[in-house]
Structures are given as C-alpha cells and as structure tokens.
Amino acid sequence: MAFPSYMRPAEIKIVGALIKKMLDQGYVVSVYDGEEWALKKSGDYEKITHEIAATDATELVFRKAEDGSKVGWLQLIHGNDEDVISDHSDIEIMRELVAA
C-alpha cells in the first residue's frame, strides 16, 4: 500500500476500501490534490494511493474505463479519521459506495 506514512489508519482503511471497490467495478480514478491533477484516469491502486493526502483535501473522480465518461466524485478532508469523506456526488452509485 502506498498511502503516505502520516495518513491516519482509519482513513487508510476507508479510502483504500473505496478505491478497491471502484477499481473492482471497472472504473478508473483521477486524483486532485487541491492544487493540481496529480493523477488522471488510473487503474493502478498503488499509484492512486500514493497521491492521496498530499494536501489537507483530496478529490477523487471516478470514470468508466472504456470511454472515460465521468461516473462521480468524492471529496476527502484529511485529519477527520472516520469522517474523512466530506462530500460526494449525489447519485446512487456514489451513495452506495460511501454507505458501505
């Protein structure tokens, strides 16, 4: 796992599970660190997790791997432990993702 060493264990567990679930469903992930797109349309778990928590907030955008169409997004606010998920797209797939 490539999460930064300073990331809190509860956040690693939650965010790691979210990313794995979306990758398992065939989506790719883009990572915005609040300053720039650190990673675009990746299906590589290690590369994605490496870019998480570079700043106090991270935005993840999920897209369909086959055509790049946007599925949804979620915002992480680091330092909040179990409440790391701050906001997300109000669509069924994202509600199911964060409910788990």
Protein backbone atom coordinates (compact mmCIF):
# COMPACT_ATOMS: atom_id res chain seq x y z
CA MET A 1 0.00 0.00 0.00
CA ALA A 2 1.43 3.36 -0.99
CA PHE A 3 -0.54 5.71 1.24
CA PRO A 4 1.68 8.36 2.88
CA SER A 5 3.11 7.24 6.23
CA TYR A 6 1.49 10.19 8.02
CA MET A 7 -2.03 9.28 6.91
CA ARG A 8 -4.24 8.10 9.76
CA PRO A 9 -5.02 4.34 9.93
CA ALA A 10 -8.82 4.84 9.95
CA GLU A 11 -8.58 6.95 6.80
CA ILE A 12 -6.32 4.42 5.08
CA LYS A 13 -8.87 1.68 5.75
CA ILE A 14 -11.85 3.71 4.49
CA VAL A 15 -10.19 5.27 1.45
CA GLY A 16 -8.42 2.07 0.48
CA ALA A 17 -11.70 0.13 0.51
CA LEU A 18 -13.42 2.81 -1.60
CA ILE A 19 -10.70 2.78 -4.22
CA LYS A 20 -10.56 -1.02 -4.39
CA LYS A 21 -14.33 -1.24 -4.75
CA MET A 22 -14.41 1.22 -7.66
CA LEU A 23 -11.44 -0.41 -9.39
CA ASP A 24 -13.06 -3.84 -8.99
CA GLN A 25 -16.14 -2.45 -10.74
CA GLY A 26 -14.02 -1.40 -13.71
CA TYR A 27 -13.64 2.31 -13.05
CA VAL A 28 -10.51 4.44 -13.24
CA VAL A 29 -9.61 7.19 -10.78
CA SER A 30 -8.26 10.72 -11.12
CA VAL A 31 -6.73 12.39 -8.07
CA TYR A 32 -6.87 16.17 -7.50
CA ASP A 33 -4.80 17.31 -4.53
CA GLY A 34 -6.26 20.79 -4.24
CA GLU A 35 -3.56 22.28 -6.41
CA GLU A 36 -3.28 20.07 -9.47
CA TRP A 37 -4.38 16.79 -11.03
CA ALA A 38 -1.74 14.55 -9.52
CA LEU A 39 -3.01 11.52 -11.45
CA LYS A 40 -5.54 11.11 -14.26
CA LYS A 41 -7.64 8.08 -15.20
CA SER A 42 -5.58 5.43 -13.46
CA GLY A 43 -6.49 1.86 -12.66
CA ASP A 44 -3.31 1.29 -10.64
CA TYR A 45 -4.11 1.05 -6.92
CA GLU A 46 -0.54 1.79 -5.81
CA LYS A 47 -0.24 4.92 -7.96
CA ILE A 48 -3.64 6.19 -6.81
CA THR A 49 -2.97 5.67 -3.11
CA HIS A 50 0.46 7.26 -3.43
CA GLU A 51 -1.22 10.55 -4.43
CA ILE A 52 -3.80 10.60 -1.60
CA ALA A 53 -3.32 13.13 1.25
CA ALA A 54 -0.62 15.23 -0.41
CA THR A 55 -2.61 18.20 0.92
CA ASP A 56 -5.38 18.58 3.52
CA ALA A 57 -8.07 17.73 0.95
CA THR A 58 -8.19 15.25 -1.91
CA GLU A 59 -10.82 14.94 -4.63
CA LEU A 60 -11.30 11.61 -6.39
CA VAL A 61 -13.09 11.48 -9.72
CA PHE A 62 -14.29 8.10 -10.97
CA ARG A 63 -14.74 7.38 -14.68
CA LYS A 64 -15.70 4.41 -16.81
CA ALA A 65 -12.51 2.79 -18.05
CA GLU A 66 -13.90 2.02 -21.51
CA ASP A 67 -14.86 5.55 -22.55
CA GLY A 68 -13.65 7.91 -19.82
CA SER A 69 -17.13 9.19 -19.02
CA LYS A 70 -17.48 10.61 -15.52
CA VAL A 71 -19.33 8.45 -13.01
CA GLY A 72 -18.98 10.59 -9.87
CA TRP A 73 -16.63 12.23 -7.41
CA LEU A 74 -15.94 12.42 -3.73
CA GLN A 75 -14.02 14.80 -1.53
CA LEU A 76 -11.78 13.71 1.31
CA ILE A 77 -10.78 16.00 4.16
CA HIS A 78 -7.77 14.51 5.88
CA GLY A 79 -7.39 14.51 9.65
CA ASN A 80 -11.04 13.61 10.27
CA ASP A 81 -10.49 9.86 10.79
CA GLU A 82 -13.84 8.05 10.22
CA ASP A 83 -15.32 11.26 8.77
CA VAL A 84 -12.69 11.53 6.04
CA ILE A 85 -15.42 11.59 3.35
CA SER A 86 -16.60 15.17 3.30
CA ASP A 87 -18.83 15.25 0.21
CA HIS A 88 -19.68 13.25 -2.90
CA SER A 89 -21.86 13.22 -6.00
CA ASP A 90 -25.49 12.71 -5.05
CA ILE A 91 -26.06 9.74 -7.32
CA GLU A 92 -26.91 6.15 -6.48
CA ILE A 93 -23.53 4.59 -7.20
CA MET A 94 -21.73 7.11 -5.00
CA ARG A 95 -24.29 6.85 -2.20
CA GLU A 96 -23.82 3.07 -2.23
CA LEU A 97 -20.05 3.45 -2.26
CA VAL A 98 -19.88 5.67 0.80
CA ALA A 99 -22.60 3.76 2.68
CA ALA A 100 -20.51 0.60 2.79
